[in-house]
Structure formats: structure tokens, C-alpha cells
Amino acid sequence: MTFMKAGEFKVKPEMEEEVWMDRKRVTVFALPLSFTKYSISPTRIFIQTGILNTHEEEIALFRVRDISMSQSIFERMNKTGTITITSTDATTPAVKFEHVKNPRSVKELLSQMVDKSRNKNRVRAVEGMAGEDMDGDGHADCDSTDDGDCIYEGIFDA
């Protein structure tokens, strides 16, 4: 019989490879002089901030609702941009990848990976009005929001 020590793993957790990674850049020269790192794996988005005290946030790709991109004049000159991601994640409903290189390509990659993740997990987002019964169980699936709209996200048999 083998005894485990505190903090020891019996099975090593699988670590996903990053598909894309960049750092928040300084707008003027587009240099990655920040301690904010953005990365995307096949199933998740990661945002890591800090140098001494670090904080890591992750969002499952199937939870992403919307992806948008913007570029200021300085970002366009430096071929960088800001990508805004809106999700149904409880702790991180919106996140920005600020001043990243090749923003259009990153946005397109994210869109494709979100679609793949939703298909793989059999998840689809359906927009509806507050108080509407989306899954036919006789109960309202959406609570009232500021604009009266809601997003119902669930697992459906295809």
C-alpha cells in the first residue's frame, strides 16, 4: 500500500497545448512590456495577470457569446488591436485582449474554435425574451435582464 503525501497527485492532470498566445502590449511601440498574458487552448481561454501576485482566469470556449474587435489609430499603425469577448461565465462575463498582434486573425481563430467547442459539447445558445419557455418543460428559462433579452444556454441532442 502506497501512501500519498499532501499535495501529491496519483494521476497527472492533462495539460492542453496552447493554440495561440500573446501579451498585452504598450500601445505606442507595440512592445510586450506588460505582465498580462492571453492564451487560447482547444477548449479554454486563459488570462494571466501579475508578476509577484498572479491571477489566472479561464473561460470555457463553449460559453463565449460574442467576439468583437476594435483598433485605435495607434493600434492600426502598430498592427495590433483589442478583442472583446462576451461570455456566459459567472465570474468573467466580459474580457478584453488588449493590444494584441494580428487581431483579425485571432478573432477568426476564436470564432472557429468556439463553434468547434459548442459542437463537441453539444451546446447551443438560443436567444429569447425574458420569461420564455425555451426547452418546453413548462417553466420560464430566462430571468429578466436590463434589456428584457436573455441567452439560454443548454445541452441539446442533435
N, C-alpha and C. Protein backbone atom coordinates (compact mmCIF):
# COMPACT_ATOMS: atom_id res chain seq x y z
N MET A 1 0.84 -1.17 0.00
CA MET A 1 0.00 0.00 0.00
C MET A 1 0.89 1.24 0.00
N THR A 2 0.65 2.15 -0.96
CA THR A 2 1.44 3.37 -1.08
C THR A 2 0.66 4.53 -0.49
N PHE A 3 1.34 5.31 0.31
CA PHE A 3 0.69 6.47 0.90
C PHE A 3 1.05 7.72 0.11
N MET A 4 0.06 8.57 -0.08
CA MET A 4 0.29 9.82 -0.80
C MET A 4 0.64 10.92 0.19
N LYS A 5 1.48 11.81 -0.23
CA LYS A 5 1.81 12.98 0.57
C LYS A 5 0.83 14.10 0.24
N ALA A 6 0.71 15.05 1.13
CA ALA A 6 -0.19 16.18 0.91
C ALA A 6 0.22 16.94 -0.35
N GLY A 7 -0.75 17.25 -1.20
CA GLY A 7 -0.49 17.99 -2.43
C GLY A 7 0.02 17.14 -3.58
N GLU A 8 0.08 15.83 -3.38
CA GLU A 8 0.61 14.92 -4.39
C GLU A 8 -0.53 14.39 -5.27
N PHE A 9 -0.23 14.17 -6.54
CA PHE A 9 -1.21 13.62 -7.47
C PHE A 9 -0.92 12.15 -7.73
N LYS A 10 -1.96 11.36 -7.76
CA LYS A 10 -1.80 9.97 -8.16
C LYS A 10 -1.80 9.86 -9.68
N VAL A 11 -2.60 10.68 -10.30
CA VAL A 11 -2.70 10.75 -11.76
C VAL A 11 -2.31 12.15 -12.17
N LYS A 12 -1.46 12.26 -13.16
CA LYS A 12 -1.04 13.58 -13.63
C LYS A 12 -2.14 14.21 -14.47
N PRO A 13 -2.55 15.46 -14.15
CA PRO A 13 -3.58 16.10 -14.96
C PRO A 13 -3.07 16.40 -16.37
N GLU A 14 -3.96 16.21 -17.35
CA GLU A 14 -3.57 16.50 -18.73
C GLU A 14 -3.55 18.01 -18.95
N MET A 15 -2.49 18.50 -19.51
CA MET A 15 -2.37 19.92 -19.79
C MET A 15 -2.57 20.12 -21.29
N GLU A 16 -3.49 21.00 -21.66
CA GLU A 16 -3.73 21.27 -23.07
C GLU A 16 -2.65 22.18 -23.62
N GLU A 17 -2.30 21.95 -24.87
CA GLU A 17 -1.34 22.82 -25.53
C GLU A 17 -2.01 24.11 -25.95
N GLU A 18 -1.27 25.19 -25.89
CA GLU A 18 -1.79 26.48 -26.34
C GLU A 18 -1.82 26.50 -27.86
N VAL A 19 -2.92 27.04 -28.40
CA VAL A 19 -3.04 27.21 -29.84
C VAL A 19 -2.54 28.61 -30.22
N TRP A 20 -2.71 29.57 -29.31
CA TRP A 20 -2.28 30.95 -29.55
C TRP A 20 -1.92 31.56 -28.20
N MET A 21 -0.94 32.48 -28.21
CA MET A 21 -0.53 33.19 -27.00
C MET A 21 0.03 34.54 -27.39
N ASP A 22 -0.27 35.55 -26.58
CA ASP A 22 0.31 36.88 -26.76
C ASP A 22 0.27 37.59 -25.42
N ARG A 23 0.93 38.72 -25.36
CA ARG A 23 0.92 39.56 -24.17
C ARG A 23 0.29 40.90 -24.51
N LYS A 24 -0.26 41.54 -23.48
CA LYS A 24 -0.76 42.90 -23.65
C LYS A 24 0.44 43.77 -23.99
N ARG A 25 0.29 44.59 -25.01
CA ARG A 25 1.41 45.40 -25.49
C ARG A 25 1.22 46.87 -25.15
N VAL A 26 2.33 47.59 -25.07
CA VAL A 26 2.30 49.03 -24.90
C VAL A 26 1.88 49.61 -26.24
N THR A 27 0.88 50.49 -26.25
CA THR A 27 0.28 50.99 -27.48
C THR A 27 1.27 51.71 -28.38
N VAL A 28 2.14 52.54 -27.83
CA VAL A 28 2.99 53.40 -28.63
C VAL A 28 3.96 52.62 -29.53
N PHE A 29 4.69 51.66 -28.97
CA PHE A 29 5.67 50.92 -29.76
C PHE A 29 5.28 49.46 -30.00
N ALA A 30 4.12 49.05 -29.51
CA ALA A 30 3.62 47.67 -29.64
C ALA A 30 4.59 46.65 -29.05
N LEU A 31 5.23 47.01 -27.94
CA LEU A 31 6.16 46.10 -27.28
C LEU A 31 5.44 45.35 -26.16
N PRO A 32 5.69 44.05 -26.00
CA PRO A 32 5.02 43.28 -24.95
C PRO A 32 5.67 43.48 -23.59
N LEU A 33 5.55 44.69 -23.03
CA LEU A 33 6.19 45.03 -21.76
C LEU A 33 5.26 44.88 -20.57
N SER A 34 4.19 44.16 -20.73
CA SER A 34 3.19 44.01 -19.69
C SER A 34 3.30 42.63 -19.04
N PHE A 35 2.67 42.48 -17.90
CA PHE A 35 2.64 41.19 -17.22
C PHE A 35 1.28 40.53 -17.36
N THR A 36 0.58 40.88 -18.44
CA THR A 36 -0.69 40.25 -18.76
C THR A 36 -0.49 39.34 -19.96
N LYS A 37 -0.82 38.06 -19.79
CA LYS A 37 -0.63 37.07 -20.85
C LYS A 37 -2.00 36.49 -21.22
N TYR A 38 -2.27 36.43 -22.52
CA TYR A 38 -3.50 35.86 -23.04
C TYR A 38 -3.15 34.57 -23.78
N SER A 39 -3.95 33.53 -23.62
CA SER A 39 -3.71 32.32 -24.39
C SER A 39 -5.03 31.60 -24.65
N ILE A 40 -5.01 30.79 -25.72
CA ILE A 40 -6.17 30.02 -26.11
C ILE A 40 -5.73 28.57 -26.28
N SER A 41 -6.49 27.65 -25.70
CA SER A 41 -6.27 26.22 -25.90
C SER A 41 -7.48 25.70 -26.70
N PRO A 42 -7.49 24.45 -27.08
CA PRO A 42 -8.63 23.95 -27.84
C PRO A 42 -9.98 24.03 -27.12
N THR A 43 -9.98 24.17 -25.79
CA THR A 43 -11.25 24.21 -25.07
C THR A 43 -11.45 25.44 -24.18
N ARG A 44 -10.38 26.21 -23.94
CA ARG A 44 -10.49 27.32 -22.99
C ARG A 44 -9.68 28.55 -23.39
N ILE A 45 -10.07 29.68 -22.79
CA ILE A 45 -9.36 30.95 -22.91
C ILE A 45 -8.75 31.23 -21.54
N PHE A 46 -7.48 31.64 -21.52
CA PHE A 46 -6.80 31.94 -20.26
C PHE A 46 -6.30 33.38 -20.27
N ILE A 47 -6.45 34.07 -19.13
CA ILE A 47 -5.90 35.40 -18.93
C ILE A 47 -5.11 35.36 -17.63
N GLN A 48 -3.82 35.60 -17.73
CA GLN A 48 -2.97 35.59 -16.54
C GLN A 48 -2.40 36.98 -16.34
N THR A 49 -2.54 37.52 -15.13
CA THR A 49 -2.04 38.86 -14.83
C THR A 49 -1.13 38.81 -13.61
N GLY A 50 -0.23 39.79 -13.52
CA GLY A 50 0.63 39.94 -12.35
C GLY A 50 2.01 39.35 -12.54
N ILE A 51 2.93 39.78 -11.67
CA ILE A 51 4.29 39.25 -11.68
C ILE A 51 4.63 38.62 -10.33
N LEU A 52 4.40 39.32 -9.24
CA LEU A 52 4.64 38.75 -7.92
C LEU A 52 3.40 38.00 -7.43
N ASN A 53 2.28 38.67 -7.44
CA ASN A 53 0.99 38.05 -7.14
C ASN A 53 0.29 37.85 -8.47
N THR A 54 0.07 36.61 -8.83
CA THR A 54 -0.54 36.35 -10.13
C THR A 54 -1.99 35.92 -9.96
N HIS A 55 -2.77 36.19 -10.99
CA HIS A 55 -4.18 35.80 -11.04
C HIS A 55 -4.44 35.20 -12.41
N GLU A 56 -5.06 34.03 -12.44
CA GLU A 56 -5.38 33.39 -13.72
C GLU A 56 -6.89 33.17 -13.80
N GLU A 57 -7.45 33.60 -14.89
CA GLU A 57 -8.88 33.44 -15.16
C GLU A 57 -9.01 32.56 -16.39
N GLU A 58 -10.04 31.71 -16.41
CA GLU A 58 -10.26 30.88 -17.59
C GLU A 58 -11.74 30.88 -17.94
N ILE A 59 -12.00 30.80 -19.24
CA ILE A 59 -13.37 30.76 -19.75
C ILE A 59 -13.45 29.58 -20.71
N ALA A 60 -14.46 28.73 -20.53
CA ALA A 60 -14.67 27.63 -21.47
C ALA A 60 -15.14 28.22 -22.80
N LEU A 61 -14.59 27.75 -23.90
CA LEU A 61 -14.91 28.31 -25.21
C LEU A 61 -16.39 28.20 -25.56
N PHE A 62 -17.06 27.12 -25.11
CA PHE A 62 -18.47 26.98 -25.46
C PHE A 62 -19.34 28.02 -24.77
N ARG A 63 -18.80 28.74 -23.77
CA ARG A 63 -19.55 29.79 -23.07
C ARG A 63 -19.46 31.16 -23.76
N VAL A 64 -18.62 31.29 -24.77
CA VAL A 64 -18.46 32.58 -25.46
C VAL A 64 -19.72 32.90 -26.25
N ARG A 65 -20.25 34.11 -26.04
CA ARG A 65 -21.46 34.56 -26.74
C ARG A 65 -21.14 35.46 -27.91
N ASP A 66 -20.15 36.34 -27.75
CA ASP A 66 -19.87 37.33 -28.77
C ASP A 66 -18.39 37.69 -28.76
N ILE A 67 -17.85 37.97 -29.95
CA ILE A 67 -16.45 38.37 -30.09
C ILE A 67 -16.44 39.61 -30.98
N SER A 68 -15.79 40.67 -30.52
CA SER A 68 -15.66 41.87 -31.35
C SER A 68 -14.23 42.36 -31.31
N MET A 69 -13.87 43.15 -32.32
CA MET A 69 -12.51 43.67 -32.42
C MET A 69 -12.57 45.17 -32.67
N SER A 70 -11.66 45.90 -32.08
CA SER A 70 -11.54 47.34 -32.34
C SER A 70 -10.07 47.70 -32.47
N GLN A 71 -9.81 48.78 -33.22
CA GLN A 71 -8.45 49.27 -33.40
C GLN A 71 -8.45 50.79 -33.35
N SER A 72 -7.63 51.33 -32.46
CA SER A 72 -7.43 52.78 -32.45
C SER A 72 -6.44 53.11 -33.57
N ILE A 73 -6.23 54.37 -33.82
CA ILE A 73 -5.27 54.78 -34.85
C ILE A 73 -3.87 54.27 -34.52
N PHE A 74 -3.48 54.33 -33.23
CA PHE A 74 -2.16 53.84 -32.83
C PHE A 74 -2.06 52.33 -32.99
N GLU A 75 -3.14 51.62 -32.66
CA GLU A 75 -3.13 50.17 -32.83
C GLU A 75 -3.02 49.79 -34.31
N ARG A 76 -3.73 50.50 -35.17
CA ARG A 76 -3.64 50.21 -36.60
C ARG A 76 -2.23 50.44 -37.13
N MET A 77 -1.58 51.51 -36.66
CA MET A 77 -0.21 51.79 -37.09
C MET A 77 0.75 50.69 -36.64
N ASN A 78 0.48 50.10 -35.48
CA ASN A 78 1.35 49.05 -34.93
C ASN A 78 0.87 47.63 -35.23
N LYS A 79 -0.19 47.51 -36.05
CA LYS A 79 -0.77 46.21 -36.41
C LYS A 79 -1.19 45.42 -35.18
N THR A 80 -1.78 46.12 -34.21
CA THR A 80 -2.34 45.49 -33.03
C THR A 80 -3.82 45.87 -32.94
N GLY A 81 -4.51 45.30 -31.98
CA GLY A 81 -5.92 45.62 -31.79
C GLY A 81 -6.41 45.06 -30.48
N THR A 82 -7.66 45.37 -30.14
CA THR A 82 -8.26 44.90 -28.91
C THR A 82 -9.45 44.01 -29.26
N ILE A 83 -9.49 42.83 -28.68
CA ILE A 83 -10.58 41.89 -28.90
C ILE A 83 -11.40 41.81 -27.62
N THR A 84 -12.71 42.02 -27.74
CA THR A 84 -13.61 41.94 -26.60
C THR A 84 -14.43 40.66 -26.71
N ILE A 85 -14.41 39.88 -25.65
CA ILE A 85 -15.11 38.60 -25.62
C ILE A 85 -16.19 38.68 -24.54
N THR A 86 -17.44 38.42 -24.93
CA THR A 86 -18.55 38.38 -24.00
C THR A 86 -18.93 36.91 -23.82
N SER A 87 -19.12 36.50 -22.56
CA SER A 87 -19.41 35.09 -22.30
C SER A 87 -20.52 34.96 -21.26
N THR A 88 -20.97 33.73 -21.07
CA THR A 88 -21.95 33.43 -20.03
C THR A 88 -21.26 32.96 -18.75
N ASP A 89 -19.95 33.12 -18.67
CA ASP A 89 -19.19 32.74 -17.49
C ASP A 89 -19.61 33.62 -16.31
N ALA A 90 -19.87 33.02 -15.16
CA ALA A 90 -20.36 33.75 -14.00
C ALA A 90 -19.34 34.75 -13.45
N THR A 91 -18.07 34.38 -13.39
CA THR A 91 -17.07 35.27 -12.80
C THR A 91 -16.46 36.24 -13.80
N THR A 92 -16.50 35.91 -15.08
CA THR A 92 -15.90 36.77 -16.10
C THR A 92 -16.85 36.90 -17.30
N PRO A 93 -17.88 37.74 -17.18
CA PRO A 93 -18.82 37.87 -18.30
C PRO A 93 -18.23 38.59 -19.52
N ALA A 94 -17.21 39.40 -19.32
CA ALA A 94 -16.56 40.09 -20.44
C ALA A 94 -15.07 40.21 -20.16
N VAL A 95 -14.28 40.03 -21.21
CA VAL A 95 -12.83 40.14 -21.08
C VAL A 95 -12.29 40.79 -22.35
N LYS A 96 -11.19 41.51 -22.20
CA LYS A 96 -10.55 42.16 -23.35
C LYS A 96 -9.12 41.64 -23.50
N PHE A 97 -8.78 41.28 -24.74
CA PHE A 97 -7.40 41.02 -25.10
C PHE A 97 -6.91 42.35 -25.66
N GLU A 98 -6.17 43.11 -24.86
CA GLU A 98 -5.78 44.46 -25.26
C GLU A 98 -4.46 44.48 -26.00
N HIS A 99 -4.43 45.22 -27.12
CA HIS A 99 -3.22 45.49 -27.90
C HIS A 99 -2.48 44.22 -28.31
N VAL A 100 -3.20 43.26 -28.89
CA VAL A 100 -2.57 42.02 -29.35
C VAL A 100 -2.24 42.11 -30.83
N LYS A 101 -1.22 41.39 -31.25
CA LYS A 101 -0.81 41.34 -32.66
C LYS A 101 -1.83 40.56 -33.48
N ASN A 102 -2.00 40.91 -34.76
CA ASN A 102 -2.88 40.22 -35.70
C ASN A 102 -4.29 40.01 -35.15
N PRO A 103 -4.97 41.08 -34.73
CA PRO A 103 -6.27 40.91 -34.06
C PRO A 103 -7.34 40.25 -34.93
N ARG A 104 -7.36 40.54 -36.23
CA ARG A 104 -8.38 39.92 -37.10
C ARG A 104 -8.21 38.39 -37.15
N SER A 105 -6.97 37.95 -37.27
CA SER A 105 -6.70 36.51 -37.30
C SER A 105 -7.06 35.84 -35.98
N VAL A 106 -6.76 36.52 -34.87
CA VAL A 106 -7.09 35.98 -33.55
C VAL A 106 -8.60 35.89 -33.39
N LYS A 107 -9.31 36.92 -33.82
CA LYS A 107 -10.77 36.93 -33.74
C LYS A 107 -11.36 35.78 -34.57
N GLU A 108 -10.85 35.57 -35.76
CA GLU A 108 -11.33 34.49 -36.62
C GLU A 108 -11.02 33.12 -36.00
N LEU A 109 -9.80 32.96 -35.46
CA LEU A 109 -9.43 31.71 -34.78
C LEU A 109 -10.39 31.43 -33.63
N LEU A 110 -10.66 32.46 -32.82
CA LEU A 110 -11.57 32.30 -31.69
C LEU A 110 -12.96 31.88 -32.16
N SER A 111 -13.48 32.51 -33.20
CA SER A 111 -14.81 32.17 -33.72
C SER A 111 -14.88 30.71 -34.14
N GLN A 112 -13.86 30.26 -34.86
CA GLN A 112 -13.83 28.87 -35.32
C GLN A 112 -13.74 27.90 -34.15
N MET A 113 -12.91 28.22 -33.17
CA MET A 113 -12.74 27.33 -32.03
C MET A 113 -13.98 27.30 -31.14
N VAL A 114 -14.68 28.41 -31.02
CA VAL A 114 -15.93 28.45 -30.26
C VAL A 114 -16.96 27.53 -30.92
N ASP A 115 -17.09 27.63 -32.24
CA ASP A 115 -18.03 26.76 -32.96
C ASP A 115 -17.69 25.28 -32.77
N LYS A 116 -16.40 24.93 -32.88
CA LYS A 116 -15.97 23.54 -32.69
C LYS A 116 -16.28 23.06 -31.27
N SER A 117 -16.01 23.91 -30.29
CA SER A 117 -16.24 23.55 -28.89
C SER A 117 -17.73 23.36 -28.61
N ARG A 118 -18.57 24.24 -29.16
CA ARG A 118 -20.02 24.09 -28.98
C ARG A 118 -20.51 22.80 -29.62
N ASN A 119 -20.04 22.50 -30.83
CA ASN A 119 -20.46 21.27 -31.49
C ASN A 119 -20.00 20.04 -30.71
N LYS A 120 -18.76 20.06 -30.24
CA LYS A 120 -18.22 18.93 -29.50
C LYS A 120 -18.99 18.69 -28.20
N ASN A 121 -19.34 19.77 -27.52
CA ASN A 121 -20.05 19.66 -26.24
C ASN A 121 -21.57 19.65 -26.39
N ARG A 122 -22.05 19.67 -27.65
CA ARG A 122 -23.48 19.69 -27.95
C ARG A 122 -24.20 20.83 -27.22
N VAL A 123 -23.60 22.00 -27.29
CA VAL A 123 -24.17 23.19 -26.66
C VAL A 123 -24.55 24.17 -27.74
N ARG A 124 -25.71 24.78 -27.57
CA ARG A 124 -26.07 25.86 -28.48
C ARG A 124 -26.71 26.96 -27.66
N ALA A 125 -26.50 28.18 -28.09
CA ALA A 125 -27.08 29.34 -27.42
C ALA A 125 -28.28 29.78 -28.23
N VAL A 126 -29.39 29.99 -27.55
CA VAL A 126 -30.62 30.41 -28.19
C VAL A 126 -31.05 31.71 -27.52
N GLU A 127 -31.27 32.74 -28.33
CA GLU A 127 -31.72 34.00 -27.77
C GLU A 127 -33.22 34.00 -27.65
N GLY A 128 -33.73 34.57 -26.57
CA GLY A 128 -35.17 34.64 -26.36
C GLY A 128 -35.53 35.81 -25.48
N MET A 129 -36.79 35.94 -25.19
CA MET A 129 -37.29 37.01 -24.33
C MET A 129 -37.38 36.49 -22.90
N ALA A 130 -37.27 37.41 -21.93
CA ALA A 130 -37.37 37.04 -20.53
C ALA A 130 -38.73 36.40 -20.27
N GLY A 131 -38.74 35.35 -19.46
CA GLY A 131 -39.97 34.67 -19.12
C GLY A 131 -40.39 33.61 -20.12
N GLU A 132 -39.62 33.40 -21.18
CA GLU A 132 -39.96 32.45 -22.23
C GLU A 132 -39.53 31.04 -21.85
N ASP A 133 -40.34 30.05 -22.23
CA ASP A 133 -40.00 28.63 -22.01
C ASP A 133 -39.27 28.13 -23.24
N MET A 134 -37.94 28.00 -23.15
CA MET A 134 -37.12 27.65 -24.31
C MET A 134 -37.02 26.14 -24.53
N ASP A 135 -37.08 25.35 -23.47
CA ASP A 135 -36.88 23.91 -23.62
C ASP A 135 -38.16 23.09 -23.49
N GLY A 136 -39.30 23.75 -23.38
CA GLY A 136 -40.58 23.06 -23.39
C GLY A 136 -40.91 22.31 -22.11
N ASP A 137 -40.28 22.68 -20.98
CA ASP A 137 -40.57 21.98 -19.73
C ASP A 137 -41.66 22.65 -18.91
N GLY A 138 -42.25 23.73 -19.45
CA GLY A 138 -43.33 24.42 -18.75
C GLY A 138 -42.88 25.49 -17.79
N HIS A 139 -41.58 25.74 -17.69
CA HIS A 139 -41.04 26.76 -16.80
C HIS A 139 -40.25 27.79 -17.60
N ALA A 140 -40.31 29.04 -17.17
CA ALA A 140 -39.54 30.10 -17.84
C ALA A 140 -38.06 29.82 -17.63
N ASP A 141 -37.28 29.88 -18.70
CA ASP A 141 -35.86 29.57 -18.63
C ASP A 141 -34.99 30.80 -18.43
N CYS A 142 -35.54 31.97 -18.67
CA CYS A 142 -34.75 33.19 -18.60
C CYS A 142 -35.32 34.13 -17.55
N ASP A 143 -34.44 34.69 -16.74
CA ASP A 143 -34.86 35.73 -15.81
C ASP A 143 -34.80 37.06 -16.53
N SER A 144 -35.45 38.05 -15.99
CA SER A 144 -35.47 39.37 -16.61
C SER A 144 -34.08 39.99 -16.56
N THR A 145 -33.67 40.61 -17.64
CA THR A 145 -32.39 41.32 -17.70
C THR A 145 -32.68 42.78 -17.96
N ASP A 146 -31.64 43.59 -18.02
CA ASP A 146 -31.81 45.03 -18.22
C ASP A 146 -32.58 45.35 -19.49
N ASP A 147 -32.28 44.66 -20.59
CA ASP A 147 -32.93 44.97 -21.86
C ASP A 147 -34.07 44.01 -22.19
N GLY A 148 -34.41 43.11 -21.26
CA GLY A 148 -35.51 42.18 -21.50
C GLY A 148 -35.12 40.95 -22.28
N ASP A 149 -33.89 40.89 -22.78
CA ASP A 149 -33.43 39.73 -23.53
C ASP A 149 -32.65 38.80 -22.61
N CYS A 150 -32.47 37.58 -23.04
CA CYS A 150 -31.65 36.65 -22.29
C CYS A 150 -31.02 35.66 -23.26
N ILE A 151 -30.05 34.97 -22.78
CA ILE A 151 -29.43 33.90 -23.56
C ILE A 151 -29.66 32.62 -22.78
N TYR A 152 -30.23 31.65 -23.43
CA TYR A 152 -30.43 30.33 -22.82
C TYR A 152 -29.36 29.44 -23.40
N GLU A 153 -28.57 28.87 -22.53
CA GLU A 153 -27.50 28.01 -23.00
C GLU A 153 -27.73 26.63 -22.38
N GLY A 154 -27.78 25.62 -23.20
CA GLY A 154 -28.03 24.30 -22.67
C GLY A 154 -27.47 23.22 -23.57
N ILE A 155 -27.58 22.00 -23.12
CA ILE A 155 -27.11 20.86 -23.89
C ILE A 155 -28.32 20.24 -24.57
N PHE A 156 -28.21 20.07 -25.85
CA PHE A 156 -29.31 19.54 -26.65
C PHE A 156 -28.83 18.36 -27.45
N ASP A 157 -29.69 17.38 -27.63
CA ASP A 157 -29.36 16.27 -28.53
C ASP A 157 -29.52 16.76 -29.95
N ALA A 158 -28.49 16.53 -30.75
CA ALA A 158 -28.51 16.99 -32.15
C ALA A 158 -29.33 16.08 -33.01
